[in-house]
Each structure stands twice: as structure tokens, then as C-alpha cells.
Amino acid sequence: MSVTDPSIFKSYDIRGLYDQQINEQNIVSIIEAIYGFFQQSLGKTTSLTVVLGRDMRLSSPSLFAVARDTLVGMGASVIDIGLVSTPTFYFSVFHYHYDCGIQITASHNPKEYNGIKFVRNSPNGLIKIGKSTGMDKIKMMVAEGFSPPQAQGGGVTAKPDALSDEVENALLLLHHPKIKKFKIVADTANAMGATYIDAIFRKVQADLVRMNFELDGTFPVHQPDPLNFENLKDLQARVLSEHADFGLAPDGDGDRLFFIDEKGAVVSASSITAIIARELLRDASAALILFDIRYIFTPKKVIQESGGRSEITKVGHAFITEQMGNTGAIFAGESSAHYFYKSTGNAESQVVTIITILKALTESGKTISQLVEEVQRSYESGEINFTIKNATEIFDKLSTRYADGELSTLDGIAISYPTWRFSVRSSNTEPLLRLNLEATTKQEMEKKKEELVNMIQSLSAL
């Protein structure tokens, strides 16, 4: 296998198996290329200020150390923020006006993986580096053996207070709301969400029931992936047994967050998007809010009812952040439970998300399930994946079969009717086709889901 296996350069980050695909040797050339790319894109040949953070994976400390030393050798001023969630990393780059940043993390992937997320600052907020914003250039630079000249003057400055500043900033953005005392169960899967949840509830009064809060990169209880609802069963049961107000389930690096309502049900991310949008539009009438192509009925209608404007985005955090920067949108919600805020550099902030939901619950006097019922405008299928090799053929057949609907080709295909719609997309990383469907009644959703599943299965060339 090549030292610079090209498959590790994903659409949204760099990620691969530790030691086989990413290790202490090849991360040197990767960091060199990233730093060279940052210099070029920022138009600077002088030293850059680079925020450097890491997650709790067993391989992260050594990869972090090599990345730090490589950056210093190139003359960078490294801001060492240590062990932090990815949202805290984003906050640090944006809030303190640093040039750029690198986070050592493999998000929600199993323990065998590690990787890199990286961003640069701009006048319009953070630019996350993905397929549309420079990843292919960095991939090419690594393949061609790019090596920037070594430079003097590099150094390291520790910044241990980023997390407490992040919480204080979120409270300031939300005008220090009065929040009643709630009982909350959080299962952080021994991963980075534990850091900001603990930090929030040092400032906000709550009865916090902690599950799997000890940072452990082996993930001894379950995978840190809340998008797989099997990983939420223990949390759902605990919310019920504790008679809690709600539950929290962040992913491995903390940039995704699912809520469990007081009845033990998983709250859809589109409902959280709608609740937050409604809250933000109270102070920002007619503002623009984004949501991704998978589920649109709930956020679109609630935003319209609340006096806001909306646009649909492609799936993927780099695409969404880029569109926020281009449009000036104040908020974006993604169906996989990423929530982005203009006030935090167009990046995810689950600290702002949690405090906003606490504020909405306090001021409404309602339960989270009641808030969800207020905003829900459709029934969602959940994502259904198919292993396929003929995605283009399937897109063509579906477009022909449902030619009387409204077609979007923004991200795969999406076809809409007045009371139901579906989205079919190819995975950016696997030979998978992803189906998402919603309808205004549960009966129609189930009927159309069965219809689409049967059709895609019949068309799949396995």
C-alpha cells in the first residue's frame, strides 16, 4: 500500500485506519501539504497561527505530537488547545481570529481509525476543507511530494481555556437566558461530547445523569455513532427509568448531537432544526436559514410560518459551511444532527444547540415531545441504504417513473409532490445508494417507502 493511500482523502476530511493508512510517518507529508495549502489560500508566505487539537483516540497523542513538531519546523505559531471536541476546535479558530486549524480526529468511526479535520478563517467565517474547497489540491500536493521550506521562528502556545470561553460565549449570544433546572441524561460513548456537556452544566443548573463520560478511545460500551439508533437504546431506557426531561447523545468528536424526548423516543434532527430556527427568528425576522435535501417539509414550513427565508443545501458539513458563508444564513440544520451557526463562524456548536433547547423548554413550559409535536410537519422514513453499482441508471429510472413530480438534482435526485417526497443520493465514500422519504401522513410515508424500496431493489445490479 502506498505511503499516501489516496483513499484517505474523503469528501469532508482525511480519515483512515491507524498505522496502515495514517501513521506517524505519512502524517508529516500530509501536514506539510495542509500548511502549504493554507499559506497559498490565505496569500501568506509568513508564519501562520495554527490551532491544533485532538480527540481521545489511542493514536491521537502521537499523531498530534508529530503534527505539532512538523508545523513548528515550518515556522508556524501553533496554538495548542489539547484534548477538545471538534466544535470547541472550530470555536477556537474563529473566536480568537487565528489563521487556520487542524484537529486530529476520526469523528464517529471505530477505534481502529484516525484522521484530520482542518479549516481556515475568512471574512465570511470558517472554510472547512473538503472536496469543494481544496481537498483534491491537498491530495495532489501529497502525491507529488510537496515539501515547504523549513523556517525559523515556529513555536507553541498552550491555550487551555477555550472550552470555558466557548460556553461563556454561547450564553452571551443567547443573552444569558434564565433556565429552569431540568433532569438530563447524557450518554457520550466515552468520547469528546463529555467535555462540553460537563462544561455547560458547570454554568447552567441541572440534574445531570452521566453515562459513559470517561474518555476512552477504545469505546468499551458502544460505538460513538448516534446515527445508528442501536447505540441509543441504553440512553432511551435510562431517560425513562430516571423520569428525565430529555437525553443527549453526541458522536465521537462531538459535532453531531441527537436528543431523546421524555418518552424515550429519538427526536428527528429536522424537528430540532425547526425548533431552533423558530427561536432564532424571534430576534432575526426574515433571516435566511438552511437545511439539507433529505428532509425539508418540517423546517421549510416552520421557517416560513416564523417569517424567515430558507434554502436547501447538499449533504455534508463542508458544503453547508460554504453555503452559509456565501449566503449569510444565520443557521443551518442537517438531518444527521449537525447544527451550524453564523455566530460561531458557520460551524457546528452543540453548546449553542443545547442552551437554545433549554431556553425553549423553559420559556414555553412545555416538554420536548410537545415542542416536537408543534413543529412536526411530516413523517420521515429514516435513511435506507442499498449496495449498488449502477446509481446513474437508477437515477434515470426513478426520474422517468416520477416525472410528474418536481425534480431537484442538487445532490443525487429529489422528487417532490404536495404531500410526499423522496431523496436518493450516492454515498461519497461507499458503493451505497441512500434513500430518504417523507410524507404528511404516516400511512402515505409507509406506502411510498415500500414502493421505492421495491423499485430500487429491482433495479440494483448487485
Protein backbone atom coordinates (compact mmCIF):
# COMPACT_ATOMS: atom_id res chain seq x y z
CA MET A 1 0.00 0.00 0.00
CA SER A 2 1.21 3.48 -0.86
CA VAL A 3 2.51 5.61 1.99
CA THR A 4 -0.01 8.22 0.84
CA ASP A 5 -3.01 6.00 0.14
CA PRO A 6 -5.29 8.33 -1.87
CA SER A 7 -8.45 6.77 -0.43
CA ILE A 8 -7.90 8.56 2.92
CA PHE A 9 -8.76 11.91 1.31
CA LYS A 10 -12.54 11.98 1.80
CA SER A 11 -15.17 14.49 0.74
CA TYR A 12 -15.21 16.17 4.16
CA ASP A 13 -11.94 15.23 5.90
CA ILE A 14 -8.94 12.89 5.90
CA ARG A 15 -9.66 9.55 7.53
CA GLY A 16 -8.23 6.03 7.52
CA LEU A 17 -7.09 3.02 9.51
CA TYR A 18 -4.42 3.93 12.00
CA ASP A 19 -0.98 2.66 11.15
CA GLN A 20 -1.97 1.07 7.83
CA GLN A 21 -3.31 4.23 6.17
CA ILE A 22 -2.45 7.08 8.52
CA ASN A 23 0.52 6.98 10.89
CA GLU A 24 3.37 8.96 12.41
CA GLN A 25 5.39 8.71 9.19
CA ASN A 26 2.95 9.78 6.48
CA ILE A 27 1.22 12.42 8.59
CA VAL A 28 4.36 14.54 8.13
CA SER A 29 3.81 14.94 4.38
CA ILE A 30 0.07 15.44 4.94
CA ILE A 31 0.61 18.23 7.47
CA GLU A 32 3.22 19.83 5.22
CA ALA A 33 0.75 19.86 2.33
CA ILE A 34 -2.06 21.24 4.50
CA TYR A 35 0.16 24.04 5.80
CA GLY A 36 1.40 24.84 2.29
CA PHE A 37 -2.19 24.92 1.07
CA PHE A 38 -3.16 27.27 3.89
CA GLN A 39 -0.30 29.62 3.02
CA GLN A 40 -1.37 29.66 -0.63
CA SER A 41 -5.08 30.11 0.04
CA LEU A 42 -4.52 32.81 2.67
CA GLY A 43 -1.96 34.55 0.47
CA LYS A 44 0.69 34.49 3.19
CA THR A 45 4.29 33.35 2.97
CA THR A 46 4.97 34.30 6.57
CA SER A 47 4.22 32.29 9.69
CA LEU A 48 0.59 31.31 10.21
CA THR A 49 -1.19 30.88 13.54
CA VAL A 50 -2.47 27.29 13.51
CA VAL A 51 -4.84 25.92 16.15
CA LEU A 52 -4.06 22.27 16.91
CA GLY A 53 -6.38 19.97 18.83
CA ARG A 54 -7.10 16.26 19.20
CA ASP A 55 -9.67 13.72 20.32
CA MET A 56 -9.36 10.82 22.81
CA ARG A 57 -8.34 8.06 20.39
CA LEU A 58 -5.37 5.99 21.48
CA SER A 59 -3.33 7.07 18.46
CA SER A 60 -4.21 10.77 18.73
CA PRO A 61 -1.46 11.86 21.17
CA SER A 62 1.38 10.60 18.98
CA LEU A 63 -0.17 11.90 15.75
CA PHE A 64 -0.78 15.23 17.48
CA ALA A 65 2.88 15.42 18.58
CA VAL A 66 4.18 14.77 15.08
CA ALA A 67 1.76 17.31 13.60
CA ARG A 68 2.86 19.90 16.19
CA ASP A 69 6.56 19.35 15.56
CA THR A 70 6.09 19.42 11.79
CA LEU A 71 4.23 22.72 11.95
CA VAL A 72 6.83 24.28 14.25
CA GLY A 73 9.56 23.16 11.86
CA MET A 74 7.85 25.11 9.09
CA GLY A 75 7.76 28.24 11.21
CA ALA A 76 4.13 28.07 12.32
CA SER A 77 2.86 29.58 15.54
CA VAL A 78 0.98 26.60 16.96
CA ILE A 79 -1.89 27.23 19.39
CA ASP A 80 -2.15 24.02 21.41
CA ILE A 81 -5.73 23.62 22.64
CA GLY A 82 -5.15 20.00 23.63
CA LEU A 83 -7.93 17.46 24.14
CA VAL A 84 -11.12 19.07 22.75
CA SER A 85 -14.26 18.34 20.79
CA THR A 86 -14.37 19.37 17.15
CA PRO A 87 -16.88 22.20 17.87
CA THR A 88 -14.50 23.59 20.51
CA PHE A 89 -11.74 23.41 17.91
CA TYR A 90 -13.88 25.37 15.42
CA PHE A 91 -14.77 27.90 18.10
CA SER A 92 -11.08 28.45 18.86
CA VAL A 93 -10.10 29.15 15.26
CA PHE A 94 -12.97 31.56 14.68
CA HIS A 95 -13.40 33.31 18.01
CA TYR A 96 -9.74 34.16 18.56
CA HIS A 97 -9.19 35.13 14.89
CA TYR A 98 -6.44 32.60 14.18
CA ASP A 99 -5.47 31.86 10.58
CA CYS A 100 -6.41 28.21 10.43
CA GLY A 101 -6.62 24.98 12.38
CA ILE A 102 -6.05 21.22 12.36
CA GLN A 103 -7.94 18.70 14.51
CA ILE A 104 -6.73 15.11 14.93
CA THR A 105 -9.92 13.03 14.95
CA ALA A 106 -11.82 10.28 13.14
CA SER A 107 -15.24 11.54 14.25
CA HIS A 108 -17.63 8.62 14.92
CA ASN A 109 -15.52 5.93 13.26
CA PRO A 110 -14.49 2.80 15.22
CA LYS A 111 -11.37 2.78 17.40
CA GLU A 112 -9.11 1.50 14.62
CA TYR A 113 -9.39 4.79 12.71
CA ASN A 114 -7.93 8.25 12.95
CA GLY A 115 -7.85 11.30 10.74
CA ILE A 116 -7.72 15.05 10.31
CA LYS A 117 -10.29 17.84 10.02
CA PHE A 118 -8.98 21.24 9.05
CA VAL A 119 -10.30 24.74 8.46
CA ARG A 120 -9.16 28.23 7.61
CA ASN A 121 -10.59 31.56 8.63
CA SER A 122 -12.11 34.06 6.20
CA PRO A 123 -14.03 37.33 6.40
CA ASN A 124 -17.26 35.32 6.00
CA GLY A 125 -16.48 32.71 8.65
CA LEU A 126 -14.68 29.39 8.65
CA ILE A 127 -13.97 27.49 5.47
CA LYS A 128 -13.89 23.77 6.11
CA ILE A 129 -11.61 21.99 3.71
CA GLY A 130 -13.45 19.33 1.77
CA LYS A 131 -13.90 18.20 -1.79
CA SER A 132 -15.27 21.54 -2.97
CA THR A 133 -12.83 23.72 -1.02
CA GLY A 134 -9.35 22.25 -1.54
CA MET A 135 -9.18 18.58 -0.57
CA ASP A 136 -8.28 17.46 -4.09
CA LYS A 137 -5.48 20.06 -4.21
CA ILE A 138 -4.02 18.76 -0.94
CA LYS A 139 -4.32 15.17 -2.17
CA MET A 140 -2.36 16.15 -5.27
CA MET A 141 0.27 18.02 -3.26
CA VAL A 142 0.88 14.95 -1.09
CA ALA A 143 1.08 12.68 -4.14
CA GLU A 144 3.61 15.00 -5.78
CA GLY A 145 5.76 15.15 -2.66
CA PHE A 146 5.19 18.80 -1.82
CA SER A 147 7.55 19.94 0.90
CA PRO A 148 7.55 23.58 2.01
CA PRO A 149 10.85 25.06 3.14
CA GLN A 150 11.74 24.78 6.80
CA ALA A 151 11.61 28.12 8.61
CA GLN A 152 12.78 29.61 11.86
CA GLY A 153 10.57 31.20 14.45
CA GLY A 154 7.99 28.49 14.96
CA GLY A 155 6.69 27.86 18.45
CA VAL A 156 3.89 26.51 20.63
CA THR A 157 1.49 28.41 22.87
CA ALA A 158 -0.84 26.45 25.12
CA LYS A 159 -4.44 27.69 25.33
CA PRO A 160 -6.26 25.62 27.96
CA ASP A 161 -9.30 27.88 28.45
CA ALA A 162 -11.01 27.54 25.05
CA LEU A 163 -13.84 25.33 26.34
CA SER A 164 -14.85 27.63 29.21
CA ASP A 165 -14.72 30.59 26.78
CA GLU A 166 -16.94 28.64 24.36
CA VAL A 167 -19.65 28.12 26.98
CA GLU A 168 -19.47 31.71 28.19
CA ASN A 169 -19.70 32.94 24.59
CA ALA A 170 -22.77 30.78 23.91
CA LEU A 171 -24.52 32.16 26.99
CA LEU A 172 -23.65 35.69 25.85
CA LEU A 173 -25.00 35.04 22.33
CA LEU A 174 -28.28 33.86 23.85
CA HIS A 175 -28.41 36.86 26.25
CA HIS A 176 -27.78 34.76 29.38
CA PRO A 177 -31.25 33.21 29.42
CA LYS A 178 -32.93 32.17 32.63
CA ILE A 179 -33.12 28.38 32.51
CA LYS A 180 -35.07 26.23 34.92
CA LYS A 181 -33.49 23.15 36.44
CA PHE A 182 -34.00 20.09 34.23
CA LYS A 183 -33.11 16.45 34.72
CA ILE A 184 -30.97 15.36 31.77
CA VAL A 185 -29.35 12.04 30.92
CA ALA A 186 -26.31 12.15 28.63
CA ASP A 187 -24.52 9.19 27.04
CA THR A 188 -21.30 10.44 25.48
CA ALA A 189 -19.97 6.99 24.45
CA ASN A 190 -16.66 7.66 26.25
CA ALA A 191 -15.99 10.36 23.66
CA MET A 192 -15.48 14.10 23.32
CA GLY A 193 -19.05 15.30 23.88
CA ALA A 194 -18.47 14.66 27.57
CA THR A 195 -16.17 17.69 27.71
CA TYR A 196 -18.67 20.34 26.60
CA ILE A 197 -21.66 18.76 28.34
CA ASP A 198 -19.79 18.86 31.63
CA ALA A 199 -18.69 22.43 30.91
CA ILE A 200 -22.25 23.61 30.14
CA PHE A 201 -23.66 22.20 33.36
CA ARG A 202 -20.95 23.76 35.45
CA LYS A 203 -22.53 27.07 34.36
CA VAL A 204 -26.18 26.02 33.99
CA GLN A 205 -28.03 24.38 36.87
CA ALA A 206 -29.27 20.86 36.07
CA ASP A 207 -29.57 17.37 37.45
CA LEU A 208 -27.16 15.68 35.04
CA VAL A 209 -27.09 11.88 34.87
CA ARG A 210 -23.82 10.84 33.23
CA MET A 211 -23.43 7.69 31.13
CA ASN A 212 -20.03 6.66 29.71
CA PHE A 213 -18.34 10.00 30.44
CA GLU A 214 -14.81 8.70 30.99
CA LEU A 215 -12.79 9.45 27.86
CA ASP A 216 -11.71 6.11 26.38
CA GLY A 217 -10.63 5.72 22.77
CA THR A 218 -11.42 2.00 22.81
CA PHE A 219 -15.16 2.80 23.14
CA PRO A 220 -15.76 -0.06 25.59
CA VAL A 221 -19.57 0.21 25.79
CA HIS A 222 -20.71 1.07 22.25
CA GLN A 223 -19.60 2.91 19.13
CA PRO A 224 -19.77 6.73 19.32
CA ASP A 225 -22.24 6.91 16.44
CA PRO A 226 -25.75 8.11 17.40
CA LEU A 227 -26.93 7.92 13.80
CA ASN A 228 -27.07 4.16 14.40
CA PHE A 229 -30.06 4.10 16.74
CA GLU A 230 -28.95 0.75 18.21
CA ASN A 231 -26.36 2.81 20.10
CA LEU A 232 -29.13 4.86 21.73
CA LYS A 233 -31.11 2.05 23.37
CA ASP A 234 -29.38 2.25 26.77
CA LEU A 235 -29.85 6.03 26.83
CA GLN A 236 -33.52 5.75 25.89
CA ALA A 237 -34.11 3.24 28.70
CA ARG A 238 -32.25 5.42 31.20
CA VAL A 239 -34.27 8.54 30.28
CA LEU A 240 -37.41 6.56 31.12
CA SER A 241 -36.11 4.96 34.31
CA GLU A 242 -34.81 8.31 35.61
CA HIS A 243 -38.02 10.15 34.61
CA ALA A 244 -35.71 12.65 32.92
CA ASP A 245 -36.76 15.65 30.85
CA PHE A 246 -34.63 14.55 27.90
CA GLY A 247 -31.44 12.76 26.84
CA LEU A 248 -28.34 13.81 24.90
CA ALA A 249 -26.23 11.65 22.57
CA PRO A 250 -23.23 13.31 20.88
CA ASP A 251 -20.98 11.47 18.43
CA GLY A 252 -17.27 10.66 18.75
CA ASP A 253 -15.82 14.12 18.16
CA GLY A 254 -18.91 15.92 19.42
CA ASP A 255 -20.04 17.70 16.27
CA ARG A 256 -23.30 15.73 15.99
CA LEU A 257 -25.93 15.59 18.70
CA PHE A 258 -29.18 13.65 19.00
CA PHE A 259 -31.92 14.33 21.54
CA ILE A 260 -34.14 11.75 23.26
CA ASP A 261 -37.51 13.06 24.44
CA GLU A 262 -39.04 12.42 27.88
CA LYS A 263 -40.96 9.45 26.44
CA GLY A 264 -37.74 7.75 25.33
CA ALA A 265 -38.19 8.49 21.61
CA VAL A 266 -35.41 9.72 19.32
CA VAL A 267 -36.14 13.28 18.20
CA SER A 268 -35.59 13.82 14.49
CA ALA A 269 -32.86 16.28 13.62
CA SER A 270 -35.28 18.14 11.33
CA SER A 271 -37.53 18.80 14.34
CA ILE A 272 -34.59 20.19 16.34
CA THR A 273 -33.70 22.33 13.31
CA ALA A 274 -37.26 23.69 13.23
CA ILE A 275 -37.36 24.40 16.98
CA ILE A 276 -34.03 26.25 16.87
CA ALA A 277 -34.99 28.14 13.70
CA ARG A 278 -38.19 29.33 15.37
CA GLU A 279 -36.23 30.51 18.41
CA LEU A 280 -33.63 32.39 16.34
CA LEU A 281 -36.25 34.02 14.13
CA ARG A 282 -37.82 35.66 17.17
CA ASP A 283 -34.79 38.01 17.19
CA ALA A 284 -33.88 37.92 13.49
CA SER A 285 -37.05 38.33 11.45
CA ALA A 286 -36.74 37.45 7.74
CA ALA A 287 -33.29 35.90 8.23
CA LEU A 288 -32.09 33.07 5.99
CA ILE A 289 -31.88 29.51 7.35
CA LEU A 290 -30.56 26.42 5.55
CA PHE A 291 -31.37 22.72 5.77
CA ASP A 292 -30.23 19.75 3.72
CA ILE A 293 -32.04 17.98 0.89
CA ARG A 294 -33.02 14.83 2.81
CA TYR A 295 -35.97 16.16 4.85
CA ILE A 296 -37.42 19.59 4.12
CA PHE A 297 -41.15 19.68 4.97
CA THR A 298 -40.78 20.39 8.71
CA PRO A 299 -38.05 23.06 8.66
CA LYS A 300 -39.31 24.76 5.49
CA LYS A 301 -42.85 25.22 6.75
CA VAL A 302 -41.88 26.26 10.28
CA ILE A 303 -39.35 28.79 8.96
CA GLN A 304 -41.97 30.22 6.61
CA GLU A 305 -44.55 30.42 9.42
CA SER A 306 -41.96 32.19 11.60
CA GLY A 307 -41.25 34.87 9.00
CA GLY A 308 -37.90 33.51 7.83
CA ARG A 309 -36.43 32.57 4.48
CA SER A 310 -34.93 29.19 3.62
CA GLU A 311 -32.66 27.43 1.16
CA ILE A 312 -31.82 23.77 0.63
CA THR A 313 -28.21 22.53 0.78
CA LYS A 314 -26.27 19.49 -0.31
CA VAL A 315 -25.46 16.96 2.41
CA GLY A 316 -22.08 17.40 4.12
CA HIS A 317 -20.65 19.82 6.64
CA ALA A 318 -18.10 21.37 4.27
CA PHE A 319 -20.80 22.11 1.67
CA ILE A 320 -23.14 23.58 4.29
CA THR A 321 -20.50 25.81 5.86
CA GLU A 322 -19.51 27.02 2.40
CA GLN A 323 -23.14 27.87 1.50
CA MET A 324 -23.60 29.69 4.81
CA GLY A 325 -20.56 31.82 4.07
CA ASN A 326 -21.82 32.61 0.58
CA THR A 327 -25.39 33.45 1.59
CA GLY A 328 -25.10 34.96 5.07
CA ALA A 329 -27.52 32.42 6.55
CA ILE A 330 -27.76 32.65 10.35
CA PHE A 331 -28.31 28.93 10.97
CA ALA A 332 -28.32 25.56 9.23
CA GLY A 333 -29.53 22.16 10.33
CA GLU A 334 -28.51 18.85 8.80
CA SER A 335 -30.56 15.65 9.01
CA SER A 336 -27.62 13.80 10.60
CA ALA A 337 -27.80 16.18 13.60
CA HIS A 338 -25.16 18.76 12.74
CA TYR A 339 -26.27 22.30 13.69
CA PHE A 340 -24.38 25.32 12.34
CA TYR A 341 -24.44 28.96 13.47
CA LYS A 342 -23.25 32.14 11.78
CA SER A 343 -22.36 33.46 15.22
CA THR A 344 -19.79 30.67 15.65
CA GLY A 345 -18.17 31.04 12.24
CA ASN A 346 -20.76 28.94 10.34
CA ALA A 347 -19.55 25.89 12.24
CA GLU A 348 -21.27 23.40 14.49
CA SER A 349 -21.84 24.46 18.08
CA GLN A 350 -23.62 21.89 20.18
CA VAL A 351 -23.12 24.18 23.18
CA VAL A 352 -25.37 26.76 21.50
CA THR A 353 -27.75 23.98 20.45
CA ILE A 354 -28.18 22.60 23.98
CA ILE A 355 -28.63 26.02 25.57
CA THR A 356 -31.14 27.05 22.88
CA ILE A 357 -33.25 23.95 23.53
CA LEU A 358 -33.05 24.55 27.29
CA LYS A 359 -34.20 28.13 26.70
CA ALA A 360 -37.11 26.99 24.50
CA LEU A 361 -38.23 24.43 27.09
CA THR A 362 -38.01 26.95 29.93
CA GLU A 363 -39.85 29.77 28.18
CA SER A 364 -42.58 27.56 26.70
CA GLY A 365 -43.16 25.49 29.82
CA LYS A 366 -43.61 22.50 27.52
CA THR A 367 -41.90 19.13 27.27
CA ILE A 368 -39.59 18.41 24.39
CA SER A 369 -42.12 15.99 22.87
CA GLN A 370 -44.72 18.78 22.94
CA LEU A 371 -42.34 21.15 21.16
CA VAL A 372 -41.67 18.45 18.55
CA GLU A 373 -45.39 17.90 18.06
CA GLU A 374 -45.84 21.66 17.48
CA VAL A 375 -43.26 21.78 14.68
CA GLN A 376 -43.62 18.37 13.05
CA ARG A 377 -44.94 18.68 9.51
CA SER A 378 -44.09 15.23 8.12
CA TYR A 379 -43.31 11.61 8.94
CA GLU A 380 -39.80 10.50 7.98
CA SER A 381 -38.60 7.10 6.80
CA GLY A 382 -35.11 7.24 8.23
CA GLU A 383 -32.19 6.61 5.89
CA ILE A 384 -32.32 3.33 3.93
CA ASN A 385 -29.11 2.17 2.26
CA PHE A 386 -28.69 -0.07 -0.78
CA THR A 387 -25.45 -1.63 -2.02
CA ILE A 388 -25.40 -0.83 -5.75
CA LYS A 389 -23.11 -0.38 -8.74
CA ASN A 390 -25.50 1.33 -11.16
CA ALA A 391 -26.50 4.56 -9.43
CA THR A 392 -26.81 6.56 -12.67
CA GLU A 393 -29.20 4.01 -14.17
CA ILE A 394 -31.33 4.06 -11.01
CA PHE A 395 -31.46 7.87 -11.00
CA ASP A 396 -32.64 7.82 -14.64
CA LYS A 397 -35.32 5.19 -13.98
CA LEU A 398 -36.65 7.00 -10.91
CA SER A 399 -36.71 10.33 -12.74
CA THR A 400 -38.76 8.74 -15.53
CA ARG A 401 -41.12 6.88 -13.18
CA TYR A 402 -41.84 10.03 -11.14
CA ALA A 403 -41.62 12.55 -13.98
CA ASP A 404 -44.82 14.27 -12.84
CA GLY A 405 -43.13 15.38 -9.60
CA GLU A 406 -40.82 18.36 -9.01
CA LEU A 407 -37.23 17.24 -9.69
CA SER A 408 -34.09 18.54 -7.97
CA THR A 409 -30.59 17.40 -8.97
CA LEU A 410 -28.78 19.39 -6.27
CA ASP A 411 -27.48 16.22 -4.58
CA GLY A 412 -28.39 13.00 -6.37
CA ILE A 413 -32.08 13.36 -7.17
CA ALA A 414 -35.00 14.53 -5.07
CA ILE A 415 -38.58 14.42 -6.32
CA SER A 416 -41.38 16.27 -4.54
CA TYR A 417 -45.16 16.11 -4.58
CA PRO A 418 -47.55 18.20 -2.46
CA THR A 419 -47.89 15.55 0.28
CA TRP A 420 -44.72 13.43 -0.08
CA ARG A 421 -41.19 13.48 -1.44
CA PHE A 422 -38.02 11.43 -1.58
CA SER A 423 -34.28 11.97 -1.92
CA VAL A 424 -31.85 9.42 -3.38
CA ARG A 425 -28.11 10.10 -3.18
CA SER A 426 -24.89 8.21 -3.76
CA SER A 427 -22.55 7.89 -0.80
CA ASN A 428 -19.36 9.92 -1.13
CA THR A 429 -17.28 7.13 0.42
CA GLU A 430 -19.01 3.77 -0.21
CA PRO A 431 -20.86 1.97 -3.06
CA LEU A 432 -24.17 2.82 -1.41
CA LEU A 433 -27.37 4.49 -2.51
CA ARG A 434 -29.15 6.37 0.28
CA LEU A 435 -32.94 6.78 0.28
CA ASN A 436 -34.80 9.25 2.49
CA LEU A 437 -38.55 9.76 2.20
CA GLU A 438 -41.15 11.87 3.99
CA ALA A 439 -44.91 12.37 3.76
CA THR A 440 -47.54 14.41 5.56
CA THR A 441 -49.20 11.23 6.88
CA LYS A 442 -47.57 8.13 8.31
CA GLN A 443 -49.73 5.90 6.13
CA GLU A 444 -48.55 7.55 2.91
CA MET A 445 -44.94 7.54 4.10
CA GLU A 446 -45.04 3.76 4.71
CA LYS A 447 -46.80 3.11 1.40
CA LYS A 448 -44.36 5.17 -0.65
CA LYS A 449 -41.38 3.78 1.24
CA GLU A 450 -42.37 0.24 0.33
CA GLU A 451 -42.91 1.31 -3.27
CA LEU A 452 -39.47 2.99 -3.56
CA VAL A 453 -37.61 0.21 -1.74
CA ASN A 454 -39.09 -2.44 -4.02
CA MET A 455 -38.29 -0.42 -7.12
CA ILE A 456 -34.68 0.32 -6.15
CA GLN A 457 -34.09 -3.31 -5.18
CA SER A 458 -35.43 -4.46 -8.55
CA LEU A 459 -33.14 -2.02 -10.37
CA SER A 460 -29.99 -2.73 -8.37
CA ALA A 461 -27.22 -4.60 -10.20
CA LEU A 462 -25.65 -6.45 -7.26
